[in-house]
Structure formats: structure tokens, C-alpha cells
Protein backbone atom coordinates (compact mmCIF):
# COMPACT_ATOMS: atom_id res chain seq x y z
CA MET A 1 91.93 87.80 64.25
CA VAL A 2 87.82 88.51 64.79
CA ASP A 3 86.40 90.13 61.47
CA SER A 4 85.93 93.64 60.69
CA ASP A 5 81.80 93.51 60.33
CA PHE A 6 81.76 91.80 64.03
CA ILE A 7 83.61 94.60 65.25
CA ASP A 8 82.20 96.95 63.20
CA ARG A 9 78.16 95.57 64.38
CA VAL A 10 79.32 95.55 68.26
CA PHE A 11 81.34 98.78 68.47
CA MET A 12 81.97 100.58 65.47
CA THR A 13 78.97 101.19 64.40
CA ALA A 14 76.26 100.20 66.93
CA ARG A 15 74.59 103.27 68.70
CA THR A 16 73.22 103.82 72.03
CA HIS A 17 69.26 104.09 71.09
CA SER A 18 66.65 105.76 72.93
CA ASN A 19 63.94 105.28 69.87
CA TRP A 20 61.90 101.27 68.74
CA GLN A 21 60.71 99.92 66.06
CA ALA A 22 57.33 98.26 67.14
CA LYS A 23 59.07 95.07 66.46
CA THR A 24 59.04 92.42 69.21
CA VAL A 25 62.04 90.30 70.34
CA SER A 26 61.52 86.57 70.87
CA LEU A 27 61.75 84.93 73.68
CA SER A 28 64.10 82.36 72.00
CA LEU A 29 66.78 85.50 71.20
CA LEU A 30 66.74 86.04 74.73
CA HIS A 31 67.48 83.11 75.85
CA ARG A 32 70.62 83.35 72.50
CA VAL A 33 72.02 86.11 73.90
CA TYR A 34 72.30 85.56 77.48
CA ASP A 35 73.73 81.69 77.01
CA ILE A 36 76.18 83.92 74.99
CA ALA A 37 76.85 86.56 77.67
CA ARG A 38 77.43 83.97 80.64
CA MET A 39 80.20 82.37 79.32
CA ALA A 40 81.97 85.68 79.95
CA PRO A 41 84.66 85.73 83.34
CA THR A 42 83.92 87.03 86.10
CA SER A 43 85.89 86.71 89.63
CA VAL A 44 86.12 83.19 90.51
CA ASN A 45 83.47 82.64 88.54
CA CYS A 46 80.81 83.83 90.54
CA SER A 47 78.33 85.06 87.84
CA PRO A 48 76.30 87.38 89.90
CA ALA A 49 74.01 89.00 87.72
CA ARG A 50 70.27 88.69 87.31
CA PHE A 51 68.37 89.56 84.33
CA VAL A 52 65.12 90.61 84.66
CA PHE A 53 63.10 91.00 81.17
CA LEU A 54 60.28 93.39 81.15
CA THR A 55 58.56 92.48 78.23
CA THR A 56 54.85 93.71 78.75
CA PRO A 57 52.82 97.06 79.32
CA GLN A 58 51.99 95.87 82.71
CA ALA A 59 55.77 94.70 83.94
CA LYS A 60 56.89 98.12 82.27
CA GLU A 61 54.16 99.95 84.19
CA LYS A 62 56.01 98.55 87.67
CA ILE A 63 59.31 100.38 86.96
CA LEU A 64 57.71 103.24 86.00
CA PRO A 65 57.66 105.03 88.65
CA SER A 66 61.24 104.88 88.79
CA LEU A 67 62.33 106.89 86.03
CA VAL A 68 63.63 110.31 85.37
CA PRO A 69 61.06 111.59 82.93
CA ALA A 70 63.38 111.65 80.20
CA ASN A 71 63.39 107.41 80.21
CA ILE A 72 59.84 107.34 80.28
CA GLU A 73 58.78 107.63 76.48
CA LYS A 74 62.42 105.47 75.80
CA VAL A 75 61.41 102.22 78.25
CA ARG A 76 57.22 102.54 77.07
CA SER A 77 58.95 101.93 73.78
CA ALA A 78 61.34 99.14 73.82
CA PRO A 79 60.27 96.23 73.39
CA VAL A 80 62.19 94.65 76.31
CA THR A 81 63.83 96.45 79.66
CA VAL A 82 66.00 94.48 81.16
CA ILE A 83 66.66 94.69 85.08
CA VAL A 84 70.56 94.21 84.95
CA ALA A 85 70.84 93.32 89.03
CA GLU A 86 72.99 91.47 91.22
CA ASP A 87 72.40 88.66 93.84
CA MET A 88 73.57 89.36 97.26
CA ASP A 89 73.83 85.96 97.73
CA PHE A 90 75.89 85.12 95.21
CA HIS A 91 78.29 83.32 96.92
CA VAL A 92 76.04 80.30 97.70
CA HIS A 93 76.63 78.96 94.09
CA ILE A 94 80.22 79.39 94.00
CA PRO A 95 80.97 75.43 95.18
CA ARG A 96 79.40 74.72 91.97
CA LEU A 97 80.32 77.26 89.79
CA PHE A 98 84.05 76.57 90.61
CA HIS A 99 83.90 73.40 92.04
CA HIS A 100 87.24 72.67 92.00
CA ARG A 101 87.51 74.99 94.47
CA PRO A 102 84.48 75.16 96.69
CA GLU A 103 86.52 76.93 99.69
CA ALA A 104 86.74 80.09 97.80
CA MET A 105 83.15 81.11 98.89
CA GLN A 106 84.35 81.29 102.30
CA PRO A 107 85.58 85.21 102.42
CA PHE A 108 82.14 86.22 101.45
CA VAL A 109 79.96 84.21 104.01
CA ASP A 110 80.90 86.46 106.88
CA ASN A 111 81.96 89.87 104.85
CA GLU A 112 78.06 91.62 103.53
CA ASN A 113 81.01 94.71 102.02
CA LEU A 114 82.85 91.91 99.95
CA ARG A 115 79.70 90.52 99.01
CA GLU A 116 78.92 94.12 98.37
CA ILE A 117 81.67 94.89 96.22
CA THR A 118 81.86 91.99 94.17
CA ALA A 119 78.69 91.41 93.00
CA PHE A 120 78.34 95.39 91.95
CA ARG A 121 81.85 94.93 90.00
CA ASN A 122 81.24 91.55 88.48
CA SER A 123 77.26 92.55 87.90
CA THR A 124 78.40 95.67 85.49
CA LEU A 125 81.28 93.40 84.23
CA GLN A 126 78.16 90.81 83.27
CA GLY A 127 75.33 93.73 82.00
CA ALA A 128 78.37 94.68 79.72
CA TYR A 129 78.69 91.45 78.11
CA PHE A 130 75.38 91.27 77.84
CA ILE A 131 75.16 94.14 75.86
CA LEU A 132 77.98 93.11 73.47
CA ALA A 133 76.03 89.38 73.10
CA ALA A 134 73.04 91.76 71.94
CA ARG A 135 74.63 93.42 69.21
CA ALA A 136 76.13 90.11 68.23
CA CYS A 137 72.86 88.64 67.58
CA GLY A 138 71.82 91.47 66.13
CA LEU A 139 70.01 94.26 68.43
CA ASP A 140 70.20 97.10 69.65
CA CYS A 141 70.35 98.53 73.05
CA GLY A 142 69.67 101.74 75.43
CA PRO A 143 71.28 101.32 78.59
CA MET A 144 70.74 103.96 81.47
CA SER A 145 71.07 104.89 84.78
CA GLY A 146 68.86 107.42 84.96
CA PHE A 147 66.13 105.76 87.78
CA ASP A 148 65.61 105.32 91.91
CA HIS A 149 67.40 102.13 92.82
CA ALA A 150 65.18 102.17 95.89
CA VAL A 151 62.25 102.33 94.20
CA VAL A 152 63.11 99.39 91.56
CA ASP A 153 63.82 96.77 94.18
CA GLN A 154 61.24 97.73 96.46
CA ALA A 155 58.83 96.84 93.25
CA PHE A 156 60.51 94.09 91.70
CA PHE A 157 63.26 92.31 94.96
CA PRO A 158 61.42 92.96 98.35
CA ARG A 159 62.98 90.38 99.44
CA GLY A 160 66.37 92.46 98.97
CA GLN A 161 68.29 89.33 97.40
CA TRP A 162 68.90 91.27 94.66
CA ARG A 163 69.25 94.66 94.13
CA SER A 164 68.99 96.47 91.07
CA ASN A 165 72.32 97.85 88.96
CA PHE A 166 71.12 99.10 85.46
CA LEU A 167 68.79 99.24 82.93
CA ILE A 168 68.59 97.97 79.50
CA ASN A 169 66.43 98.68 76.29
CA LEU A 170 66.24 96.05 73.94
CA GLY A 171 65.18 96.00 70.58
CA TYR A 172 64.97 97.39 67.06
CA GLY A 173 66.40 100.79 66.94
CA VAL A 174 65.07 103.37 64.70
CA GLN A 175 68.49 104.51 63.19
CA ASP A 176 67.06 107.96 61.82
CA LYS A 177 66.51 109.26 65.28
CA LEU A 178 69.99 108.63 66.08
CA PHE A 179 71.96 111.79 67.54
CA PRO A 180 75.55 112.37 65.84
CA ARG A 181 78.37 110.24 67.51
CA LEU A 182 80.30 111.90 70.40
CA PRO A 183 83.41 112.05 70.87
CA ARG A 184 85.60 109.47 72.82
CA LEU A 185 88.53 110.13 73.99
CA SER A 186 91.85 109.16 72.29
CA PHE A 187 94.75 107.14 73.22
CA ASP A 188 96.83 109.50 74.34
CA GLU A 189 94.16 110.77 76.57
CA ALA A 190 92.44 107.31 78.41
CA CYS A 191 95.76 105.33 78.62
CA LEU A 192 99.30 104.82 80.05
CA VAL A 193 101.41 102.24 79.22
CA LEU A 194 104.53 102.17 81.49
């Protein structure tokens, strides 16, 4: 059983942050978070997520035109903004990542629709794993979807192989600027036991 402090840190007391302390996030910590998150499961171990870490004002300037106005200052003030992207050619790595069944890549070769669905589903899952790993490592997160994907993709992925999925601001949040926690659906409202 996982100890209650860990559950609190990752789920119960963790919050979505929009305001950030002026404290840097080290490259070694970003490596650590990724190294934890990459170990979580994806279908046929396909691992389509790609993570682009925006750590400088110059890098962040490139993403600002894509953001809805409410998200601009969130990105500017966050120590790191992560573009969680999906690699549309993820399947070429399957023979190495799923080496006991390298033929598992074949259904994806000529099926763009299957690649898109699989990349989106699994990169979203990997982005969620990344949030949990970041929280476990003591970072606060502010996931966001208020941006124009086409603008981000043109600025960062002009070749079209990678596509943006969602954004995560990372750092050390300002606790006294949090809103009260919002309600969640109860088990009876959200679950069905058959």
C-alpha cells in the first residue's frame, strides 16, 4: 500500500497552479521526472509522447501567439512550460520498444487513422503520467489546453511529424493564490459497477 503522504502529495492536496515562485527548475529534475514517467504503460509500449521544455524567455515568446489571453501570463511566469506532443511516426520505434513482437508495428504502417488515434490516446496518457511524476518529485503543475494547436505546430514542429497535444506549466506554485478546491463527481455519479 502506498503511504498516505505520497497520495496526498500527488492527488489529494496537489492543485493546478497558475501563479509561480521565481525559482528555477533544474535540468536534472526535468530528467528525473521524465525518467519516472517513461516507465508507465502505453499500448504495445508505443510511447508516442514527446516533451518540449520551454525554459527561456526566447522559447516562450514563440508560443505566446498561440495562447488564449488568460494563459499568456501563466506561461510567462512559469519556470518551465512543457509542450506535450505526439510523434506521428511513433510506430517505427515499436520493433525496439516491443522487441518480443516487432511485427506489432505493421498495423500502423499504412493506417494513418490508427496512428493518429493511438498517438493521441497514449500521448495524453503519458502527459498525465508526467504530471503525476512531477508532483511526486515536488513540482507543481498547471496543465492547459487553451491554445491554437496549428500555431504551436507551425512554430515548433513545421515538419509535421510531431503534433502538440497539451501544455503543462511546471515550477513551484504560489500557494496563497490558489482558488478553493472545486468539487468532483462522487463514485455514484461517475461510476457503474456491473
